[in-house]
């Protein structure tokens, strides 16, 4: 088996490294916890995705078929990240959005893992890994925020 394939399988099996550990939030309401605190706060699936840059299996998230109006917040710190108004069916197997709910909600950084150059997206309050953004989305932005459902919690819009 070629060395690159073995390396990629090993990275997938262990969930990669945690880039969130060195995260410095640009927000005044930043949340920082040590690894032990995150393990107590999050489910194993949330911890794997948010803190270890894991990826859930495609088509496994209940949020993929969520159609109710509301917001999608960070599973770690509950910062509102995406609106149901910006959600669309990308066919990729992960919840997808055309934009973040606010300019300072989602951060971007270069991800060179798996031998590819991608743009990782993170919660700008706690540094949790959300997924990646790609330049192949629909209007109005042309971007596709491809997000792990395990990184999010859905908050339905209350009826008044």
C-alpha atoms as a PDB file:
ATOM      1  CA  UNK A   1       0.000   0.000   0.000  1.00  0.00           C
ATOM      2  CA  UNK A   2       1.459   3.412  -0.892  1.00  0.00           C
ATOM      3  CA  UNK A   3       2.790   5.414   2.059  1.00  0.00           C
ATOM      4  CA  UNK A   4       0.374   8.322   1.456  1.00  0.00           C
ATOM      5  CA  UNK A   5      -2.642   5.994   1.642  1.00  0.00           C
ATOM      6  CA  UNK A   6      -1.380   4.467   4.912  1.00  0.00           C
ATOM      7  CA  UNK A   7      -0.786   7.949   6.368  1.00  0.00           C
ATOM      8  CA  UNK A   8      -4.273   9.136   5.322  1.00  0.00           C
ATOM      9  CA  UNK A   9      -5.915   6.063   6.887  1.00  0.00           C
ATOM     10  CA  UNK A  10      -3.979   6.629  10.104  1.00  0.00           C
ATOM     11  CA  UNK A  11      -5.061  10.282  10.243  1.00  0.00           C
ATOM     12  CA  UNK A  12      -8.702   9.298   9.726  1.00  0.00           C
ATOM     13  CA  UNK A  13      -8.518   6.601  12.383  1.00  0.00           C
ATOM     14  CA  UNK A  14      -7.069   8.855  15.070  1.00  0.00           C
ATOM     15  CA  UNK A  15      -9.069  11.940  14.161  1.00  0.00           C
ATOM     16  CA  UNK A  16      -6.101  14.143  13.345  1.00  0.00           C
ATOM     17  CA  UNK A  17      -4.569  16.615  15.734  1.00  0.00           C
ATOM     18  CA  UNK A  18      -6.253  19.298  17.760  1.00  0.00           C
ATOM     19  CA  UNK A  19      -5.685  22.705  16.200  1.00  0.00           C
ATOM     20  CA  UNK A  20      -8.170  24.200  18.669  1.00  0.00           C
ATOM     21  CA  UNK A  21      -5.602  24.003  21.491  1.00  0.00           C
ATOM     22  CA  UNK A  22      -3.648  27.035  20.218  1.00  0.00           C
ATOM     23  CA  UNK A  23      -6.716  28.997  19.147  1.00  0.00           C
ATOM     24  CA  UNK A  24      -6.850  32.700  19.996  1.00  0.00           C
ATOM     25  CA  UNK A  25     -10.338  34.133  19.651  1.00  0.00           C
ATOM     26  CA  UNK A  26     -10.833  37.578  18.107  1.00  0.00           C
ATOM     27  CA  UNK A  27     -13.998  37.975  20.212  1.00  0.00           C
ATOM     28  CA  UNK A  28     -14.335  39.719  23.585  1.00  0.00           C
ATOM     29  CA  UNK A  29     -16.594  36.867  24.792  1.00  0.00           C
ATOM     30  CA  UNK A  30     -14.017  34.148  24.048  1.00  0.00           C
ATOM     31  CA  UNK A  31     -14.312  30.824  25.838  1.00  0.00           C
ATOM     32  CA  UNK A  32     -11.225  28.825  26.697  1.00  0.00           C
ATOM     33  CA  UNK A  33     -11.235  25.483  28.452  1.00  0.00           C
ATOM     34  CA  UNK A  34      -8.596  22.826  28.866  1.00  0.00           C
ATOM     35  CA  UNK A  35      -8.972  19.422  27.266  1.00  0.00           C
ATOM     36  CA  UNK A  36     -10.339  17.788  30.439  1.00  0.00           C
ATOM     37  CA  UNK A  37     -13.075  20.433  30.701  1.00  0.00           C
ATOM     38  CA  UNK A  38     -14.109  19.903  27.077  1.00  0.00           C
ATOM     39  CA  UNK A  39     -14.253  16.109  27.593  1.00  0.00           C
ATOM     40  CA  UNK A  40     -16.650  16.595  30.531  1.00  0.00           C
ATOM     41  CA  UNK A  41     -18.833  19.105  28.663  1.00  0.00           C
ATOM     42  CA  UNK A  42     -19.165  17.417  25.258  1.00  0.00           C
ATOM     43  CA  UNK A  43     -20.470  14.069  24.059  1.00  0.00           C
ATOM     44  CA  UNK A  44     -17.762  11.781  22.629  1.00  0.00           C
ATOM     45  CA  UNK A  45     -18.966  12.619  19.099  1.00  0.00           C
ATOM     46  CA  UNK A  46     -18.900  16.372  19.736  1.00  0.00           C
ATOM     47  CA  UNK A  47     -15.461  16.139  21.329  1.00  0.00           C
ATOM     48  CA  UNK A  48     -14.101  14.176  18.353  1.00  0.00           C
ATOM     49  CA  UNK A  49     -15.348  16.753  15.838  1.00  0.00           C
ATOM     50  CA  UNK A  50     -15.021  20.046  17.748  1.00  0.00           C
ATOM     51  CA  UNK A  51     -11.763  19.451  19.623  1.00  0.00           C
ATOM     52  CA  UNK A  52      -9.917  16.830  17.522  1.00  0.00           C
ATOM     53  CA  UNK A  53     -10.935  17.991  14.037  1.00  0.00           C
ATOM     54  CA  UNK A  54     -12.806  14.795  13.350  1.00  0.00           C
ATOM     55  CA  UNK A  55     -15.397  14.266  10.639  1.00  0.00           C
ATOM     56  CA  UNK A  56     -18.658  12.443  11.132  1.00  0.00           C
ATOM     57  CA  UNK A  57     -19.770   9.888   8.561  1.00  0.00           C
ATOM     58  CA  UNK A  58     -21.581  11.400   5.589  1.00  0.00           C
ATOM     59  CA  UNK A  59     -25.384  11.329   5.831  1.00  0.00           C
ATOM     60  CA  UNK A  60     -25.234  10.402   9.554  1.00  0.00           C
ATOM     61  CA  UNK A  61     -26.345  13.712  11.095  1.00  0.00           C
ATOM     62  CA  UNK A  62     -29.956  14.269  12.115  1.00  0.00           C
ATOM     63  CA  UNK A  63     -29.412  17.945  11.281  1.00  0.00           C
ATOM     64  CA  UNK A  64     -28.976  17.090   7.608  1.00  0.00           C
ATOM     65  CA  UNK A  65     -32.745  16.734   7.171  1.00  0.00           C
ATOM     66  CA  UNK A  66     -33.741  19.461   9.671  1.00  0.00           C
ATOM     67  CA  UNK A  67     -36.161  21.812   7.922  1.00  0.00           C
ATOM     68  CA  UNK A  68     -37.551  23.861  10.830  1.00  0.00           C
ATOM     69  CA  UNK A  69     -36.794  27.575  11.099  1.00  0.00           C
ATOM     70  CA  UNK A  70     -34.162  28.491  13.637  1.00  0.00           C
ATOM     71  CA  UNK A  71     -30.440  28.815  14.180  1.00  0.00           C
ATOM     72  CA  UNK A  72     -27.568  26.382  14.341  1.00  0.00           C
ATOM     73  CA  UNK A  73     -25.260  27.113  17.259  1.00  0.00           C
ATOM     74  CA  UNK A  74     -21.837  25.793  18.237  1.00  0.00           C
ATOM     75  CA  UNK A  75     -22.173  22.536  20.158  1.00  0.00           C
ATOM     76  CA  UNK A  76     -19.353  23.622  22.457  1.00  0.00           C
ATOM     77  CA  UNK A  77     -20.145  27.205  23.422  1.00  0.00           C
ATOM     78  CA  UNK A  78     -23.646  27.802  21.949  1.00  0.00           C
ATOM     79  CA  UNK A  79     -22.594  30.779  19.804  1.00  0.00           C
ATOM     80  CA  UNK A  80     -25.119  31.204  16.985  1.00  0.00           C
ATOM     81  CA  UNK A  81     -23.316  30.310  13.762  1.00  0.00           C
ATOM     82  CA  UNK A  82     -25.770  29.642  10.911  1.00  0.00           C
ATOM     83  CA  UNK A  83     -29.393  30.465  10.097  1.00  0.00           C
ATOM     84  CA  UNK A  84     -31.893  27.991   8.690  1.00  0.00           C
ATOM     85  CA  UNK A  85     -32.570  30.630   6.005  1.00  0.00           C
ATOM     86  CA  UNK A  86     -29.051  30.028   4.636  1.00  0.00           C
ATOM     87  CA  UNK A  87     -29.180  26.215   4.717  1.00  0.00           C
ATOM     88  CA  UNK A  88     -29.346  24.294   1.435  1.00  0.00           C
ATOM     89  CA  UNK A  89     -29.189  20.699   0.201  1.00  0.00           C
ATOM     90  CA  UNK A  90     -25.700  20.232  -1.206  1.00  0.00           C
ATOM     91  CA  UNK A  91     -25.954  16.462  -1.680  1.00  0.00           C
ATOM     92  CA  UNK A  92     -22.603  16.011   0.064  1.00  0.00           C
ATOM     93  CA  UNK A  93     -23.942  14.310   3.201  1.00  0.00           C
ATOM     94  CA  UNK A  94     -23.260  17.157   5.625  1.00  0.00           C
ATOM     95  CA  UNK A  95     -25.379  20.172   6.585  1.00  0.00           C
ATOM     96  CA  UNK A  96     -24.459  23.031   4.246  1.00  0.00           C
ATOM     97  CA  UNK A  97     -24.957  26.794   4.464  1.00  0.00           C
ATOM     98  CA  UNK A  98     -24.248  29.706   2.126  1.00  0.00           C
ATOM     99  CA  UNK A  99     -22.890  31.959   4.878  1.00  0.00           C
ATOM    100  CA  UNK A 100     -22.364  32.412   8.588  1.00  0.00           C
ATOM    101  CA  UNK A 101     -24.988  34.229  10.634  1.00  0.00           C
ATOM    102  CA  UNK A 102     -22.528  37.069  11.417  1.00  0.00           C
ATOM    103  CA  UNK A 103     -19.102  38.101  10.127  1.00  0.00           C
ATOM    104  CA  UNK A 104     -17.432  37.453  13.489  1.00  0.00           C
ATOM    105  CA  UNK A 105     -19.123  34.083  14.198  1.00  0.00           C
ATOM    106  CA  UNK A 106     -17.014  31.770  12.035  1.00  0.00           C
ATOM    107  CA  UNK A 107     -13.260  31.949  11.556  1.00  0.00           C
ATOM    108  CA  UNK A 108     -11.235  30.559   8.661  1.00  0.00           C
ATOM    109  CA  UNK A 109      -7.786  29.071   8.537  1.00  0.00           C
ATOM    110  CA  UNK A 110      -5.713  26.994   6.155  1.00  0.00           C
ATOM    111  CA  UNK A 111      -5.938  23.237   6.623  1.00  0.00           C
ATOM    112  CA  UNK A 112      -3.188  21.249   4.941  1.00  0.00           C
ATOM    113  CA  UNK A 113      -4.148  17.878   6.433  1.00  0.00           C
ATOM    114  CA  UNK A 114      -4.631  14.804   4.249  1.00  0.00           C
ATOM    115  CA  UNK A 115      -2.304  16.309   1.649  1.00  0.00           C
ATOM    116  CA  UNK A 116      -4.896  18.840   0.480  1.00  0.00           C
ATOM    117  CA  UNK A 117      -5.165  22.616   0.789  1.00  0.00           C
ATOM    118  CA  UNK A 118      -8.601  23.425   2.221  1.00  0.00           C
ATOM    119  CA  UNK A 119     -10.122  26.224   4.271  1.00  0.00           C
ATOM    120  CA  UNK A 120     -11.154  25.030   7.714  1.00  0.00           C
ATOM    121  CA  UNK A 121     -13.960  26.822   9.527  1.00  0.00           C
ATOM    122  CA  UNK A 122     -13.997  27.195  13.309  1.00  0.00           C
ATOM    123  CA  UNK A 123     -16.256  28.717  15.916  1.00  0.00           C
ATOM    124  CA  UNK A 124     -14.756  32.126  16.578  1.00  0.00           C
ATOM    125  CA  UNK A 125     -15.693  32.018  20.283  1.00  0.00           C
ATOM    126  CA  UNK A 126     -14.257  28.650  21.378  1.00  0.00           C
ATOM    127  CA  UNK A 127     -12.138  27.531  18.403  1.00  0.00           C
ATOM    128  CA  UNK A 128     -14.182  24.384  17.812  1.00  0.00           C
ATOM    129  CA  UNK A 129     -13.696  22.719  14.427  1.00  0.00           C
ATOM    130  CA  UNK A 130     -16.870  22.971  12.350  1.00  0.00           C
ATOM    131  CA  UNK A 131     -15.847  21.697   8.917  1.00  0.00           C
ATOM    132  CA  UNK A 132     -14.652  23.415   5.752  1.00  0.00           C
ATOM    133  CA  UNK A 133     -15.789  26.089   3.318  1.00  0.00           C
ATOM    134  CA  UNK A 134     -15.620  25.587  -0.443  1.00  0.00           C
ATOM    135  CA  UNK A 135     -16.086  27.971  -3.400  1.00  0.00           C
ATOM    136  CA  UNK A 136     -18.796  25.853  -5.058  1.00  0.00           C
ATOM    137  CA  UNK A 137     -21.962  27.023  -3.297  1.00  0.00           C
ATOM    138  CA  UNK A 138     -25.082  28.655  -4.665  1.00  0.00           C
ATOM    139  CA  UNK A 139     -25.851  32.379  -4.775  1.00  0.00           C
ATOM    140  CA  UNK A 140     -25.739  34.791  -3.139  1.00  0.00           C
ATOM    141  CA  UNK A 141     -22.232  33.977  -1.815  1.00  0.00           C
ATOM    142  CA  UNK A 142     -21.033  31.156  -4.059  1.00  0.00           C
ATOM    143  CA  UNK A 143     -19.672  29.472  -0.933  1.00  0.00           C
ATOM    144  CA  UNK A 144     -20.579  26.149   0.666  1.00  0.00           C
ATOM    145  CA  UNK A 145     -19.998  25.951   4.412  1.00  0.00           C
ATOM    146  CA  UNK A 146     -19.851  22.170   4.817  1.00  0.00           C
ATOM    147  CA  UNK A 147     -20.411  21.557   8.538  1.00  0.00           C
ATOM    148  CA  UNK A 148     -20.360  18.485  10.762  1.00  0.00           C
ATOM    149  CA  UNK A 149     -23.759  18.105  12.406  1.00  0.00           C
ATOM    150  CA  UNK A 150     -22.000  16.901  15.583  1.00  0.00           C
ATOM    151  CA  UNK A 151     -20.426  20.362  15.835  1.00  0.00           C
ATOM    152  CA  UNK A 152     -23.843  22.038  16.024  1.00  0.00           C
ATOM    153  CA  UNK A 153     -27.013  22.240  18.079  1.00  0.00           C
ATOM    154  CA  UNK A 154     -30.263  23.359  16.491  1.00  0.00           C
ATOM    155  CA  UNK A 155     -32.285  26.050  18.276  1.00  0.00           C
ATOM    156  CA  UNK A 156     -35.794  26.323  16.821  1.00  0.00           C
ATOM    157  CA  UNK A 157     -37.227  29.776  16.345  1.00  0.00           C
ATOM    158  CA  UNK A 158     -39.821  30.324  19.051  1.00  0.00           C
ATOM    159  CA  UNK A 159     -43.343  31.069  17.987  1.00  0.00           C
ATOM    160  CA  UNK A 160     -44.706  34.287  19.437  1.00  0.00           C
END
